[in-house]
Amino acid sequence: MLRDGDRRNVVDGYRYWTLEAIVADLDARRHPFHVAIENWQHDLNIGTVVRTANAFNAAGVHVIGRRRWNRRGAMVTDRYLHVRHHATVEEFTAWAAAEGLPVLGVDLFPESVPLESFELPRECVLVFGQEGPGLSEEVRAASAAVLSIAQYGSTRSINAGVAAGIAMHAWVRQHGGAPTSSS
């Protein structure tokens, strides 16, 4: 496989690069937003969130709650990101406060502000609740704002992995500029 280059999970520009070299190149141009997801009941969407965070070159991904998550959906992209675990919401919010990063929850609540009209801070943490129960009360209380994604159909909610992708793309539209890669 390496003789012909490994194209399974990297753009062509990174073929034959070492893992360390790829991470260093990505680190040099990471976007200053982070993504977090609550994982109290082993949420299978975390792999999708990680893979999407890699695609948008997020500064980091944070798993709140259970340390274990299904890495299959990440398609090995977690190797190129900084993934941190926080055992509790309190530990996570203390980290965000120490970094000076506003916490922005993303979920459907009556008081949620539409993501489509919200000016996202350049440096922030977008937090997503677990599939089903959504954001915990603790995260809601710690959030500078809770944002919602406009929906027009009959479903009650959007899949957590999809919602994370939409929110990350909203951040990129506001702050990302033209994509750069080593391809």
Protein backbone atom coordinates (compact mmCIF):
# COMPACT_ATOMS: atom_id res chain seq x y z
CA MET A 1 0.00 0.00 0.00
CA LEU A 2 2.72 2.53 0.90
CA ARG A 3 4.57 1.82 -2.35
CA ASP A 4 1.65 3.39 -4.23
CA GLY A 5 0.75 5.87 -1.49
CA ASP A 6 -2.05 5.61 1.04
CA ARG A 7 -5.07 7.45 -0.34
CA ARG A 8 -7.65 6.09 2.07
CA ASN A 9 -7.88 9.09 4.34
CA VAL A 10 -5.54 11.86 3.16
CA VAL A 11 -5.55 14.22 0.21
CA ASP A 12 -3.01 13.45 -2.51
CA GLY A 13 -0.66 16.20 -1.31
CA TYR A 14 -0.04 14.22 1.88
CA ARG A 15 0.76 10.90 0.18
CA TYR A 16 4.01 9.47 1.54
CA TRP A 17 4.14 12.01 4.39
CA THR A 18 4.60 10.70 7.92
CA LEU A 19 1.76 11.09 10.38
CA GLU A 20 3.84 13.56 12.39
CA ALA A 21 4.56 15.70 9.31
CA ILE A 22 0.87 15.83 8.36
CA VAL A 23 -0.15 16.86 11.89
CA ALA A 24 2.58 19.54 11.98
CA ASP A 25 1.41 20.95 8.64
CA LEU A 26 -2.21 20.99 9.78
CA ASP A 27 -1.23 22.54 13.14
CA ALA A 28 0.43 25.43 11.31
CA ARG A 29 -2.90 26.46 9.82
CA ARG A 30 -5.66 25.13 12.08
CA HIS A 31 -8.80 27.18 12.44
CA PRO A 32 -9.28 28.62 15.94
CA PHE A 33 -12.59 26.92 16.68
CA HIS A 34 -13.05 23.72 18.66
CA VAL A 35 -15.87 21.19 18.63
CA ALA A 36 -17.21 19.26 21.62
CA ILE A 37 -19.81 16.55 21.97
CA GLU A 38 -21.35 15.07 25.08
CA ASN A 39 -20.94 11.30 25.28
CA TRP A 40 -22.91 10.00 28.23
CA GLN A 41 -24.35 6.88 26.55
CA HIS A 42 -21.69 6.04 23.90
CA ASP A 43 -22.88 8.26 21.06
CA LEU A 44 -22.08 6.72 17.67
CA ASN A 45 -22.05 10.16 15.99
CA ILE A 46 -18.70 11.13 17.50
CA GLY A 47 -16.76 9.50 14.67
CA THR A 48 -18.69 11.60 12.15
CA VAL A 49 -18.04 14.76 14.18
CA VAL A 50 -14.31 13.97 14.34
CA ARG A 51 -14.09 13.29 10.60
CA THR A 52 -15.90 16.53 9.81
CA ALA A 53 -13.74 18.51 12.26
CA ASN A 54 -10.72 17.16 10.40
CA ALA A 55 -12.21 18.26 7.07
CA PHE A 56 -12.64 21.81 8.41
CA ASN A 57 -9.25 21.67 10.23
CA ALA A 58 -10.68 22.50 13.65
CA ALA A 59 -8.23 23.29 16.44
CA GLY A 60 -9.53 20.34 18.44
CA VAL A 61 -12.31 17.96 19.30
CA HIS A 62 -13.47 17.42 22.88
CA VAL A 63 -15.40 14.43 24.14
CA ILE A 64 -17.30 15.16 27.35
CA GLY A 65 -18.40 12.21 29.48
CA ARG A 66 -17.45 8.69 28.50
CA ARG A 67 -13.91 8.38 27.22
CA ARG A 68 -14.70 5.55 24.81
CA TRP A 69 -16.29 6.34 21.48
CA ASN A 70 -16.73 4.48 18.21
CA ARG A 71 -13.73 5.52 16.09
CA ARG A 72 -14.98 3.70 13.03
CA GLY A 73 -16.89 6.69 11.69
CA ALA A 74 -13.79 8.87 12.00
CA MET A 75 -12.08 6.85 9.25
CA VAL A 76 -8.70 7.26 11.04
CA THR A 77 -8.93 11.07 10.84
CA ASP A 78 -8.64 11.30 14.65
CA ARG A 79 -4.91 10.69 14.17
CA TYR A 80 -4.56 14.09 12.51
CA LEU A 81 -6.53 16.03 15.15
CA HIS A 82 -6.12 16.91 18.79
CA VAL A 83 -8.85 14.94 20.57
CA ARG A 84 -9.24 15.62 24.30
CA HIS A 85 -11.39 13.96 26.89
CA HIS A 86 -13.16 15.78 29.73
CA ALA A 87 -14.80 13.53 32.32
CA THR A 88 -17.37 16.16 33.32
CA VAL A 89 -18.99 19.29 31.96
CA GLU A 90 -17.36 21.20 34.81
CA GLU A 91 -13.91 20.01 33.71
CA PHE A 92 -14.68 20.95 30.10
CA THR A 93 -16.02 24.43 30.92
CA ALA A 94 -13.03 25.09 33.19
CA TRP A 95 -10.75 24.25 30.25
CA ALA A 96 -12.73 26.54 27.90
CA ALA A 97 -12.64 29.40 30.44
CA ALA A 98 -8.89 28.98 30.94
CA GLU A 99 -8.44 29.17 27.15
CA GLY A 100 -10.73 32.21 26.91
CA LEU A 101 -13.08 30.38 24.54
CA PRO A 102 -16.81 31.07 24.62
CA VAL A 103 -18.93 27.92 24.71
CA LEU A 104 -21.72 27.89 22.12
CA GLY A 105 -24.30 25.15 22.44
CA VAL A 106 -26.10 23.91 19.35
CA ASP A 107 -29.54 22.43 19.99
CA LEU A 108 -33.25 23.10 19.49
CA PHE A 109 -34.73 24.97 22.44
CA PRO A 110 -37.36 27.72 22.46
CA GLU A 111 -34.70 30.27 23.46
CA SER A 112 -32.15 29.11 20.84
CA VAL A 113 -30.83 31.77 18.47
CA PRO A 114 -30.84 30.86 14.75
CA LEU A 115 -27.35 29.85 13.64
CA GLU A 116 -28.07 31.40 10.26
CA SER A 117 -28.20 34.91 11.73
CA PHE A 118 -25.63 34.55 14.54
CA GLU A 119 -22.18 36.15 14.30
CA LEU A 120 -19.93 33.31 15.44
CA PRO A 121 -16.80 34.39 17.32
CA ARG A 122 -13.57 33.57 15.52
CA GLU A 123 -12.34 31.63 18.56
CA CYS A 124 -15.00 29.47 20.21
CA VAL A 125 -16.16 25.97 21.09
CA LEU A 126 -19.24 24.58 19.37
CA VAL A 127 -20.87 22.00 21.67
CA PHE A 128 -23.33 19.34 20.61
CA GLY A 129 -25.47 17.17 22.80
CA GLN A 130 -25.72 13.47 22.51
CA GLU A 131 -28.15 12.05 19.99
CA GLY A 132 -31.54 11.83 21.69
CA PRO A 133 -31.23 13.77 24.94
CA GLY A 134 -29.42 16.74 23.36
CA LEU A 135 -27.42 19.25 25.37
CA SER A 136 -27.35 18.74 29.11
CA GLU A 137 -28.62 21.47 31.43
CA GLU A 138 -25.03 22.01 32.58
CA VAL A 139 -23.80 22.80 29.08
CA ARG A 140 -26.81 24.99 28.37
CA ALA A 141 -26.12 26.99 31.53
CA ALA A 142 -22.43 27.36 30.63
CA SER A 143 -23.12 28.47 27.05
CA ALA A 144 -22.72 32.08 25.99
CA ALA A 145 -25.49 31.29 23.50
CA VAL A 146 -27.46 28.26 22.35
CA LEU A 147 -27.92 28.13 18.61
CA SER A 148 -30.43 26.26 16.47
CA ILE A 149 -30.35 25.16 12.85
CA ALA A 150 -33.38 26.03 10.73
CA GLN A 151 -35.47 23.02 9.77
CA TYR A 152 -38.35 22.93 7.33
CA GLY A 153 -39.58 19.35 7.30
CA SER A 154 -41.47 17.12 9.68
CA THR A 155 -38.59 15.65 11.68
CA ARG A 156 -38.10 16.79 15.27
CA SER A 157 -34.32 17.13 15.01
CA ILE A 158 -31.27 16.74 12.80
CA ASN A 159 -28.75 13.97 13.46
CA ALA A 160 -26.00 15.22 15.82
CA GLY A 161 -23.22 14.45 13.33
CA VAL A 162 -25.02 16.33 10.57
CA ALA A 163 -25.77 19.27 12.88
CA ALA A 164 -22.08 19.49 13.79
CA GLY A 165 -21.15 19.59 10.09
CA ILE A 166 -23.66 22.35 9.40
CA ALA A 167 -22.41 24.43 12.34
CA MET A 168 -18.74 23.96 11.39
CA HIS A 169 -19.56 24.99 7.84
CA ALA A 170 -21.32 28.11 9.16
CA TRP A 171 -18.11 28.99 11.05
CA VAL A 172 -16.02 28.43 7.91
CA ARG A 173 -18.36 30.61 5.84
CA GLN A 174 -17.88 33.46 8.33
CA HIS A 175 -14.16 33.07 9.09
CA GLY A 176 -12.50 30.37 7.02
CA GLY A 177 -11.37 32.06 3.85
CA ALA A 178 -10.23 30.04 0.88
CA PRO A 179 -9.32 26.42 1.57
CA THR A 180 -5.65 25.54 1.60
CA SER A 181 -4.16 22.10 1.44
CA SER A 182 -1.00 20.34 0.51
CA SER A 183 -2.59 18.92 -2.62
